[in-house]
N, C-alpha and C. Protein backbone atom coordinates (compact mmCIF):
# COMPACT_ATOMS: atom_id res chain seq x y z
N UNK A 1 128.02 111.15 80.73
CA UNK A 1 127.10 112.27 80.73
C UNK A 1 125.89 111.97 79.86
N UNK A 2 126.15 111.37 78.67
CA UNK A 2 125.07 111.04 77.77
C UNK A 2 124.10 110.04 78.40
N UNK A 3 124.67 109.09 79.16
CA UNK A 3 123.84 108.08 79.81
C UNK A 3 122.90 108.73 80.82
N UNK A 4 123.39 109.72 81.56
CA UNK A 4 122.56 110.41 82.54
C UNK A 4 121.44 111.20 81.86
N UNK A 5 121.76 111.78 80.71
CA UNK A 5 120.76 112.52 79.96
C UNK A 5 119.67 111.58 79.46
N UNK A 6 120.06 110.42 78.95
CA UNK A 6 119.08 109.43 78.48
C UNK A 6 118.21 108.94 79.63
N UNK A 7 118.82 108.71 80.78
CA UNK A 7 118.07 108.28 81.95
C UNK A 7 117.08 109.35 82.38
N UNK A 8 117.51 110.60 82.38
CA UNK A 8 116.63 111.70 82.77
C UNK A 8 115.45 111.83 81.80
N UNK A 9 115.73 111.72 80.51
CA UNK A 9 114.67 111.82 79.51
C UNK A 9 113.68 110.67 79.66
N UNK A 10 114.20 109.46 79.84
CA UNK A 10 113.34 108.29 80.02
C UNK A 10 112.47 108.44 81.27
N UNK A 11 113.06 108.92 82.35
CA UNK A 11 112.31 109.14 83.59
C UNK A 11 111.20 110.16 83.37
N UNK A 12 111.50 111.23 82.66
CA UNK A 12 110.50 112.26 82.36
C UNK A 12 109.36 111.70 81.52
N UNK A 13 109.68 110.90 80.53
CA UNK A 13 108.65 110.29 79.67
C UNK A 13 107.77 109.35 80.48
N UNK A 14 108.38 108.51 81.31
CA UNK A 14 107.59 107.57 82.13
C UNK A 14 106.70 108.31 83.13
N UNK A 15 107.21 109.37 83.73
CA UNK A 15 106.41 110.15 84.67
C UNK A 15 105.22 110.79 83.96
N UNK A 16 105.46 111.35 82.78
CA UNK A 16 104.37 111.95 82.00
C UNK A 16 103.33 110.90 81.62
N UNK A 17 103.80 109.72 81.24
CA UNK A 17 102.87 108.64 80.88
C UNK A 17 102.01 108.23 82.06
N UNK A 18 102.61 108.12 83.24
CA UNK A 18 101.84 107.77 84.44
C UNK A 18 100.79 108.82 84.75
N UNK A 19 101.17 110.08 84.63
CA UNK A 19 100.21 111.15 84.90
C UNK A 19 99.08 111.15 83.89
N UNK A 20 99.40 110.89 82.63
CA UNK A 20 98.35 110.82 81.61
C UNK A 20 97.43 109.64 81.86
N UNK A 21 97.98 108.51 82.26
CA UNK A 21 97.15 107.34 82.56
C UNK A 21 96.24 107.62 83.75
N UNK A 22 96.78 108.33 84.73
CA UNK A 22 95.99 108.64 85.92
C UNK A 22 94.83 109.54 85.59
N UNK A 23 94.96 110.32 84.54
CA UNK A 23 93.91 111.28 84.20
C UNK A 23 93.19 110.88 82.92
N UNK A 24 93.41 109.68 82.45
CA UNK A 24 92.80 109.25 81.19
C UNK A 24 91.29 109.27 81.30
N UNK A 25 90.66 109.56 80.18
CA UNK A 25 89.21 109.48 80.15
C UNK A 25 88.53 110.79 80.41
N UNK A 26 89.24 111.88 80.49
CA UNK A 26 88.59 113.17 80.66
C UNK A 26 88.94 113.84 81.95
N UNK A 27 88.18 114.86 82.26
CA UNK A 27 88.45 115.62 83.47
C UNK A 27 87.53 115.15 84.60
N UNK A 28 88.03 115.33 85.80
CA UNK A 28 87.30 114.85 86.98
C UNK A 28 87.10 115.99 87.96
N UNK A 29 86.03 115.92 88.68
CA UNK A 29 85.76 116.92 89.71
C UNK A 29 86.75 116.76 90.85
N UNK A 30 86.87 117.81 91.65
CA UNK A 30 87.85 117.82 92.72
C UNK A 30 87.29 118.52 93.96
N UNK A 31 85.98 118.43 94.14
CA UNK A 31 85.34 119.20 95.19
C UNK A 31 84.73 118.36 96.31
N UNK A 32 85.00 117.08 96.34
CA UNK A 32 84.43 116.19 97.35
C UNK A 32 85.50 115.71 98.32
N UNK A 33 85.09 115.43 99.54
CA UNK A 33 86.01 114.79 100.47
C UNK A 33 86.02 113.30 100.15
N UNK A 34 87.02 112.64 100.66
CA UNK A 34 87.10 111.19 100.47
C UNK A 34 85.89 110.51 101.11
N UNK A 35 85.41 111.02 102.23
CA UNK A 35 84.24 110.44 102.89
C UNK A 35 82.99 110.58 102.02
N UNK A 36 82.83 111.73 101.36
CA UNK A 36 81.69 111.92 100.45
C UNK A 36 81.72 110.89 99.34
N UNK A 37 82.90 110.70 98.75
CA UNK A 37 83.06 109.73 97.66
C UNK A 37 82.76 108.33 98.16
N UNK A 38 83.32 107.97 99.31
CA UNK A 38 83.12 106.62 99.87
C UNK A 38 81.64 106.36 100.16
N UNK A 39 80.94 107.34 100.71
CA UNK A 39 79.52 107.17 101.02
C UNK A 39 78.71 106.87 99.75
N UNK A 40 78.95 107.65 98.71
CA UNK A 40 78.20 107.46 97.47
C UNK A 40 78.61 106.17 96.77
N UNK A 41 79.86 105.84 96.86
CA UNK A 41 80.38 104.63 96.23
C UNK A 41 79.80 103.37 96.89
N UNK A 42 79.81 103.33 98.20
CA UNK A 42 79.31 102.14 98.90
C UNK A 42 77.80 101.99 98.79
N UNK A 43 77.11 103.08 98.55
CA UNK A 43 75.66 102.99 98.37
C UNK A 43 75.33 102.16 97.12
N UNK A 44 76.25 102.12 96.17
CA UNK A 44 76.03 101.37 94.93
C UNK A 44 76.39 99.89 95.06
N UNK A 45 77.04 99.54 96.15
CA UNK A 45 77.46 98.15 96.35
C UNK A 45 76.37 97.36 97.05
N UNK A 46 76.23 96.09 96.72
CA UNK A 46 75.14 95.29 97.29
C UNK A 46 75.27 95.00 98.78
N UNK A 47 76.48 94.81 99.24
CA UNK A 47 76.64 94.43 100.64
C UNK A 47 76.68 95.65 101.55
N UNK A 48 76.00 95.54 102.66
CA UNK A 48 76.09 96.57 103.69
C UNK A 48 76.94 95.99 104.82
N UNK A 49 77.01 96.71 105.91
CA UNK A 49 77.77 96.20 107.04
C UNK A 49 79.24 96.52 106.96
N UNK A 50 79.53 97.77 106.62
CA UNK A 50 80.91 98.24 106.60
C UNK A 50 81.03 99.40 107.57
N UNK A 51 82.22 99.57 108.08
CA UNK A 51 82.47 100.71 108.96
C UNK A 51 83.85 101.28 108.67
N UNK A 52 83.99 102.56 108.95
CA UNK A 52 85.27 103.23 108.77
C UNK A 52 86.21 102.83 109.90
N UNK A 53 87.46 102.65 109.55
CA UNK A 53 88.47 102.31 110.55
C UNK A 53 88.95 103.59 111.23
N UNK A 54 89.61 103.43 112.34
CA UNK A 54 90.17 104.57 113.07
C UNK A 54 91.37 105.14 112.30
N UNK A 55 91.72 106.36 112.60
CA UNK A 55 92.83 107.01 111.91
C UNK A 55 94.15 106.26 112.06
N UNK A 56 94.31 105.55 113.16
CA UNK A 56 95.59 104.84 113.36
C UNK A 56 95.70 103.55 112.55
N UNK A 57 94.69 103.25 111.72
CA UNK A 57 94.77 102.09 110.82
C UNK A 57 95.92 102.27 109.83
N UNK A 58 96.13 103.51 109.41
CA UNK A 58 97.28 103.79 108.55
C UNK A 58 98.49 103.88 109.47
N UNK A 59 99.12 102.74 109.62
CA UNK A 59 100.23 102.59 110.56
C UNK A 59 101.42 101.98 109.84
N UNK A 60 102.54 101.94 110.54
CA UNK A 60 103.73 101.31 109.97
C UNK A 60 103.50 99.82 109.74
N UNK A 61 102.74 99.19 110.62
CA UNK A 61 102.53 97.74 110.46
C UNK A 61 101.63 97.43 109.26
N UNK A 62 100.73 98.32 108.91
CA UNK A 62 99.84 98.07 107.77
C UNK A 62 100.39 98.64 106.47
N UNK A 63 100.95 99.84 106.50
CA UNK A 63 101.36 100.52 105.29
C UNK A 63 102.88 100.67 105.14
N UNK A 64 103.63 100.18 106.10
CA UNK A 64 105.08 100.21 105.98
C UNK A 64 105.66 101.58 106.27
N UNK A 65 106.92 101.72 105.90
CA UNK A 65 107.65 102.94 106.22
C UNK A 65 107.15 104.15 105.45
N UNK A 66 106.36 103.93 104.41
CA UNK A 66 105.85 105.06 103.62
C UNK A 66 104.53 105.59 104.14
N UNK A 67 104.08 105.14 105.29
CA UNK A 67 102.77 105.59 105.79
C UNK A 67 102.73 107.10 106.00
N UNK A 68 103.84 107.69 106.47
CA UNK A 68 103.87 109.14 106.65
C UNK A 68 103.77 109.86 105.31
N UNK A 69 104.42 109.32 104.31
CA UNK A 69 104.36 109.89 102.97
C UNK A 69 102.92 109.87 102.44
N UNK A 70 102.23 108.76 102.67
CA UNK A 70 100.84 108.65 102.25
C UNK A 70 99.99 109.73 102.91
N UNK A 71 100.17 109.92 104.20
CA UNK A 71 99.39 110.92 104.93
C UNK A 71 99.76 112.35 104.52
N UNK A 72 101.03 112.57 104.20
CA UNK A 72 101.47 113.91 103.79
C UNK A 72 100.91 114.29 102.42
N UNK A 73 100.73 113.33 101.55
CA UNK A 73 100.31 113.61 100.17
C UNK A 73 98.79 113.62 99.99
N UNK A 74 98.06 113.28 101.05
CA UNK A 74 96.59 113.27 100.96
C UNK A 74 96.01 114.20 102.01
N UNK A 75 94.87 114.81 101.67
CA UNK A 75 94.24 115.69 102.64
C UNK A 75 92.97 115.10 103.25
N UNK A 76 92.47 114.03 102.66
CA UNK A 76 91.37 113.30 103.28
C UNK A 76 91.40 111.86 102.80
N UNK A 77 90.95 110.99 103.65
CA UNK A 77 90.86 109.57 103.29
C UNK A 77 89.83 108.89 104.18
N UNK A 78 89.32 107.78 103.67
CA UNK A 78 88.46 106.92 104.47
C UNK A 78 88.75 105.49 104.03
N UNK A 79 88.85 104.61 105.02
CA UNK A 79 89.03 103.19 104.77
C UNK A 79 87.89 102.47 105.45
N UNK A 80 87.19 101.65 104.66
CA UNK A 80 86.04 100.90 105.17
C UNK A 80 86.37 99.41 105.15
N UNK A 81 86.02 98.73 106.23
CA UNK A 81 86.16 97.28 106.28
C UNK A 81 84.82 96.68 106.68
N UNK A 82 84.68 95.40 106.45
CA UNK A 82 83.44 94.71 106.79
C UNK A 82 83.26 94.67 108.30
N UNK A 83 82.02 94.79 108.74
CA UNK A 83 81.74 94.70 110.17
C UNK A 83 82.20 93.36 110.74
N UNK A 84 82.06 92.30 109.95
CA UNK A 84 82.50 90.98 110.37
C UNK A 84 83.87 90.65 109.75
N UNK A 85 84.83 91.54 109.99
CA UNK A 85 86.13 91.44 109.32
C UNK A 85 86.92 90.19 109.70
N UNK A 86 86.49 89.48 110.73
CA UNK A 86 87.16 88.21 111.05
C UNK A 86 86.79 87.13 110.04
N UNK A 87 85.70 87.32 109.29
CA UNK A 87 85.26 86.35 108.29
C UNK A 87 85.13 86.94 106.88
N UNK A 88 85.29 88.24 106.74
CA UNK A 88 85.08 88.91 105.47
C UNK A 88 86.20 89.94 105.29
N UNK A 89 87.01 89.78 104.25
CA UNK A 89 88.17 90.68 104.07
C UNK A 89 87.86 91.90 103.21
N UNK A 90 86.60 92.18 102.94
CA UNK A 90 86.25 93.36 102.14
C UNK A 90 86.94 94.60 102.72
N UNK A 91 87.52 95.38 101.82
CA UNK A 91 88.18 96.62 102.24
C UNK A 91 88.12 97.60 101.07
N UNK A 92 87.78 98.83 101.40
CA UNK A 92 87.69 99.91 100.40
C UNK A 92 88.40 101.12 101.00
N UNK A 93 89.28 101.71 100.22
CA UNK A 93 89.96 102.93 100.65
C UNK A 93 89.81 104.01 99.59
N UNK A 94 89.45 105.20 100.02
CA UNK A 94 89.33 106.34 99.12
C UNK A 94 90.24 107.44 99.68
N UNK A 95 91.10 107.97 98.81
CA UNK A 95 92.05 109.00 99.21
C UNK A 95 91.93 110.18 98.25
N UNK A 96 91.94 111.39 98.81
CA UNK A 96 92.02 112.59 97.99
C UNK A 96 93.44 113.11 98.10
N UNK A 97 94.12 113.19 96.96
CA UNK A 97 95.51 113.62 96.92
C UNK A 97 95.55 115.14 96.84
N UNK A 98 96.36 115.74 97.70
CA UNK A 98 96.43 117.20 97.80
C UNK A 98 96.89 117.85 96.51
N UNK A 99 97.93 117.31 95.90
CA UNK A 99 98.49 117.90 94.68
C UNK A 99 98.47 116.88 93.55
N UNK A 100 98.06 117.32 92.39
CA UNK A 100 97.99 116.42 91.23
C UNK A 100 99.34 115.78 90.93
N UNK A 101 100.42 116.46 91.25
CA UNK A 101 101.76 115.92 90.98
C UNK A 101 102.09 114.73 91.88
N UNK A 102 101.30 114.49 92.92
CA UNK A 102 101.56 113.39 93.85
C UNK A 102 100.67 112.17 93.62
N UNK A 103 99.78 112.24 92.64
CA UNK A 103 98.84 111.15 92.40
C UNK A 103 99.56 109.84 92.10
N UNK A 104 100.56 109.87 91.24
CA UNK A 104 101.28 108.64 90.88
C UNK A 104 101.95 108.01 92.10
N UNK A 105 102.49 108.84 92.99
CA UNK A 105 103.13 108.31 94.20
C UNK A 105 102.12 107.65 95.12
N UNK A 106 100.95 108.27 95.30
CA UNK A 106 99.92 107.69 96.15
C UNK A 106 99.40 106.40 95.53
N UNK A 107 99.20 106.41 94.23
CA UNK A 107 98.77 105.19 93.55
C UNK A 107 99.76 104.05 93.81
N UNK A 108 101.04 104.33 93.66
CA UNK A 108 102.08 103.32 93.87
C UNK A 108 102.06 102.79 95.31
N UNK A 109 101.88 103.68 96.27
CA UNK A 109 101.82 103.27 97.68
C UNK A 109 100.63 102.34 97.92
N UNK A 110 99.49 102.66 97.33
CA UNK A 110 98.30 101.84 97.53
C UNK A 110 98.39 100.53 96.75
N UNK A 111 99.07 100.53 95.63
CA UNK A 111 99.30 99.27 94.92
C UNK A 111 100.21 98.35 95.74
N UNK A 112 101.22 98.94 96.38
CA UNK A 112 102.10 98.15 97.27
C UNK A 112 101.30 97.59 98.44
N UNK A 113 100.41 98.41 98.99
CA UNK A 113 99.60 97.98 100.12
C UNK A 113 98.70 96.80 99.73
N UNK A 114 98.00 96.90 98.60
CA UNK A 114 97.10 95.81 98.22
C UNK A 114 97.89 94.53 97.90
N UNK A 115 99.07 94.68 97.31
CA UNK A 115 99.91 93.50 97.04
C UNK A 115 100.38 92.88 98.35
N UNK A 116 100.72 93.70 99.32
CA UNK A 116 101.16 93.19 100.63
C UNK A 116 100.01 92.50 101.35
N UNK A 117 98.81 93.05 101.24
CA UNK A 117 97.64 92.41 101.86
C UNK A 117 97.40 91.03 101.23
N UNK A 118 97.56 90.95 99.92
CA UNK A 118 97.37 89.66 99.25
C UNK A 118 98.38 88.63 99.76
N UNK A 119 99.62 89.03 99.93
CA UNK A 119 100.63 88.12 100.47
C UNK A 119 100.30 87.72 101.91
N UNK A 120 99.88 88.70 102.68
CA UNK A 120 99.57 88.47 104.10
C UNK A 120 98.40 87.50 104.29
N UNK A 121 97.36 87.69 103.49
CA UNK A 121 96.12 86.93 103.69
C UNK A 121 96.08 85.58 102.98
N UNK A 122 96.82 85.41 101.90
CA UNK A 122 96.67 84.23 101.03
C UNK A 122 96.73 82.91 101.80
N UNK A 123 97.82 82.66 102.51
CA UNK A 123 97.97 81.38 103.23
C UNK A 123 96.99 81.28 104.39
N UNK A 124 96.78 82.38 105.07
CA UNK A 124 95.86 82.37 106.22
C UNK A 124 94.44 82.00 105.78
N UNK A 125 93.99 82.60 104.69
CA UNK A 125 92.64 82.31 104.20
C UNK A 125 92.51 80.87 103.71
N UNK A 126 93.56 80.35 103.14
CA UNK A 126 93.52 78.97 102.64
C UNK A 126 93.18 78.00 103.77
N UNK A 127 93.61 78.33 104.97
CA UNK A 127 93.37 77.44 106.10
C UNK A 127 92.04 77.62 106.79
N UNK A 128 91.49 78.82 106.81
CA UNK A 128 90.26 79.00 107.59
C UNK A 128 89.08 79.58 106.83
N UNK A 129 89.30 80.21 105.69
CA UNK A 129 88.18 80.79 104.97
C UNK A 129 88.52 80.92 103.48
N UNK A 130 88.68 79.80 102.79
CA UNK A 130 89.13 79.84 101.40
C UNK A 130 88.18 80.57 100.45
N UNK A 131 86.93 80.72 100.82
CA UNK A 131 85.96 81.43 99.99
C UNK A 131 86.29 82.91 99.83
N UNK A 132 87.07 83.47 100.74
CA UNK A 132 87.45 84.88 100.67
C UNK A 132 88.67 85.10 99.79
N UNK A 133 89.42 84.07 99.55
CA UNK A 133 90.69 84.18 98.83
C UNK A 133 90.57 84.81 97.43
N UNK A 134 89.52 84.53 96.64
CA UNK A 134 89.43 85.16 95.32
C UNK A 134 89.39 86.69 95.36
N UNK A 135 88.97 87.26 96.46
CA UNK A 135 88.93 88.72 96.57
C UNK A 135 90.34 89.31 96.42
N UNK A 136 91.34 88.55 96.85
CA UNK A 136 92.71 89.02 96.74
C UNK A 136 93.14 89.13 95.28
N UNK A 137 92.58 88.25 94.45
CA UNK A 137 92.90 88.29 93.02
C UNK A 137 92.25 89.49 92.32
N UNK A 138 91.21 90.04 92.93
CA UNK A 138 90.49 91.16 92.34
C UNK A 138 90.84 92.49 93.00
N UNK A 139 91.79 92.47 93.94
CA UNK A 139 92.21 93.72 94.59
C UNK A 139 92.75 94.65 93.51
N UNK A 140 92.40 95.92 93.63
CA UNK A 140 92.84 96.85 92.61
C UNK A 140 92.89 98.29 93.08
N UNK A 141 93.52 99.10 92.27
CA UNK A 141 93.66 100.53 92.53
C UNK A 141 93.20 101.27 91.28
N UNK A 142 92.41 102.31 91.47
CA UNK A 142 91.92 103.12 90.34
C UNK A 142 92.10 104.59 90.68
N UNK A 143 92.48 105.35 89.69
CA UNK A 143 92.69 106.79 89.84
C UNK A 143 91.70 107.54 88.97
N UNK A 144 91.07 108.56 89.54
CA UNK A 144 90.23 109.49 88.80
C UNK A 144 90.61 110.89 89.28
N UNK A 145 91.37 111.58 88.47
CA UNK A 145 91.83 112.91 88.86
C UNK A 145 92.72 112.83 90.07
N UNK A 146 92.33 113.52 91.14
CA UNK A 146 93.13 113.54 92.36
C UNK A 146 92.57 112.59 93.43
N UNK A 147 91.73 111.67 93.02
CA UNK A 147 91.18 110.67 93.93
C UNK A 147 91.76 109.31 93.58
N UNK A 148 92.10 108.54 94.60
CA UNK A 148 92.62 107.20 94.40
C UNK A 148 91.78 106.24 95.23
N UNK A 149 91.32 105.19 94.57
CA UNK A 149 90.49 104.17 95.20
C UNK A 149 91.26 102.86 95.21
N UNK A 150 91.24 102.16 96.34
CA UNK A 150 91.69 100.78 96.33
C UNK A 150 90.57 99.90 96.86
N UNK A 151 90.49 98.71 96.34
CA UNK A 151 89.46 97.78 96.79
C UNK A 151 90.04 96.39 96.96
N UNK A 152 89.54 95.70 97.94
CA UNK A 152 89.73 94.27 98.11
C UNK A 152 88.32 93.73 98.27
N UNK A 153 87.75 93.34 97.14
CA UNK A 153 86.35 92.93 97.06
C UNK A 153 86.22 91.78 96.06
N UNK A 154 85.04 91.23 95.96
CA UNK A 154 84.79 90.23 94.92
C UNK A 154 84.97 90.90 93.55
N UNK A 155 85.07 90.09 92.52
CA UNK A 155 85.23 90.63 91.17
C UNK A 155 84.09 91.55 90.78
N UNK A 156 82.87 91.11 91.03
CA UNK A 156 81.70 91.92 90.67
C UNK A 156 81.66 93.22 91.47
N UNK A 157 81.95 93.13 92.77
CA UNK A 157 81.94 94.34 93.60
C UNK A 157 83.07 95.30 93.23
N UNK A 158 84.21 94.75 92.86
CA UNK A 158 85.33 95.60 92.41
C UNK A 158 84.93 96.35 91.15
N UNK A 159 84.32 95.65 90.22
CA UNK A 159 83.87 96.27 88.97
C UNK A 159 82.85 97.38 89.26
N UNK A 160 81.89 97.08 90.12
CA UNK A 160 80.87 98.07 90.48
C UNK A 160 81.51 99.28 91.15
N UNK A 161 82.38 99.03 92.12
CA UNK A 161 83.01 100.13 92.86
C UNK A 161 83.82 101.02 91.91
N UNK A 162 84.61 100.42 91.04
CA UNK A 162 85.44 101.22 90.13
C UNK A 162 84.59 101.99 89.13
N UNK A 163 83.53 101.37 88.65
CA UNK A 163 82.63 102.05 87.71
C UNK A 163 81.94 103.23 88.38
N UNK A 164 81.41 103.02 89.57
CA UNK A 164 80.74 104.09 90.31
C UNK A 164 81.70 105.21 90.67
N UNK A 165 82.91 104.84 91.03
CA UNK A 165 83.96 105.81 91.36
C UNK A 165 84.18 106.75 90.17
N UNK A 166 84.32 106.17 89.00
CA UNK A 166 84.55 106.98 87.80
C UNK A 166 83.33 107.82 87.46
N UNK A 167 82.13 107.24 87.51
CA UNK A 167 80.90 107.99 87.21
C UNK A 167 80.72 109.16 88.16
N UNK A 168 80.96 108.91 89.43
CA UNK A 168 80.78 109.93 90.46
C UNK A 168 81.73 111.12 90.26
N UNK A 169 82.93 110.83 89.81
CA UNK A 169 83.95 111.88 89.74
C UNK A 169 84.08 112.54 88.38
N UNK A 170 83.43 111.98 87.36
CA UNK A 170 83.49 112.60 86.03
C UNK A 170 82.96 114.02 86.11
N UNK A 171 83.69 114.96 85.53
CA UNK A 171 83.22 116.34 85.50
C UNK A 171 81.98 116.42 84.64
N UNK A 172 81.06 117.23 85.08
CA UNK A 172 79.78 117.35 84.35
C UNK A 172 79.83 118.39 83.28
């Protein structure tokens, strides 16, 4: 019984820590759609030539068995890929999480997705487009309030995207 109590307390502490990390740095606005955020975010990036993917991009083959969970916990999202995606693996996803209590779960799902993309692309890129491979090392997920951003971009573009994401969502 004591062991279960310790496990429950530890789980509660870890969950609270994740939520605090997700909201670190102050309060964030919550009045924009994911598309609004993505539009403003990509305007700050140097490269153009991105387009939004179709809704069926979030599929079992891309996001695994948790794809339904991802869609249930978010009320808007946009995923942008490079127009020349056969030669450029740039990818940006912005998700608005419906409930603040689900932010950690969405973050975890998107971290799994970016890790899976890195595994999927690593060997393939080595053979036909090794210049894109470093983008996999810079893939990341950032949370600001109830918004979650993932990027598969160059190091500089990842830094710009994450910085703009935070600036855009900081409460005024």
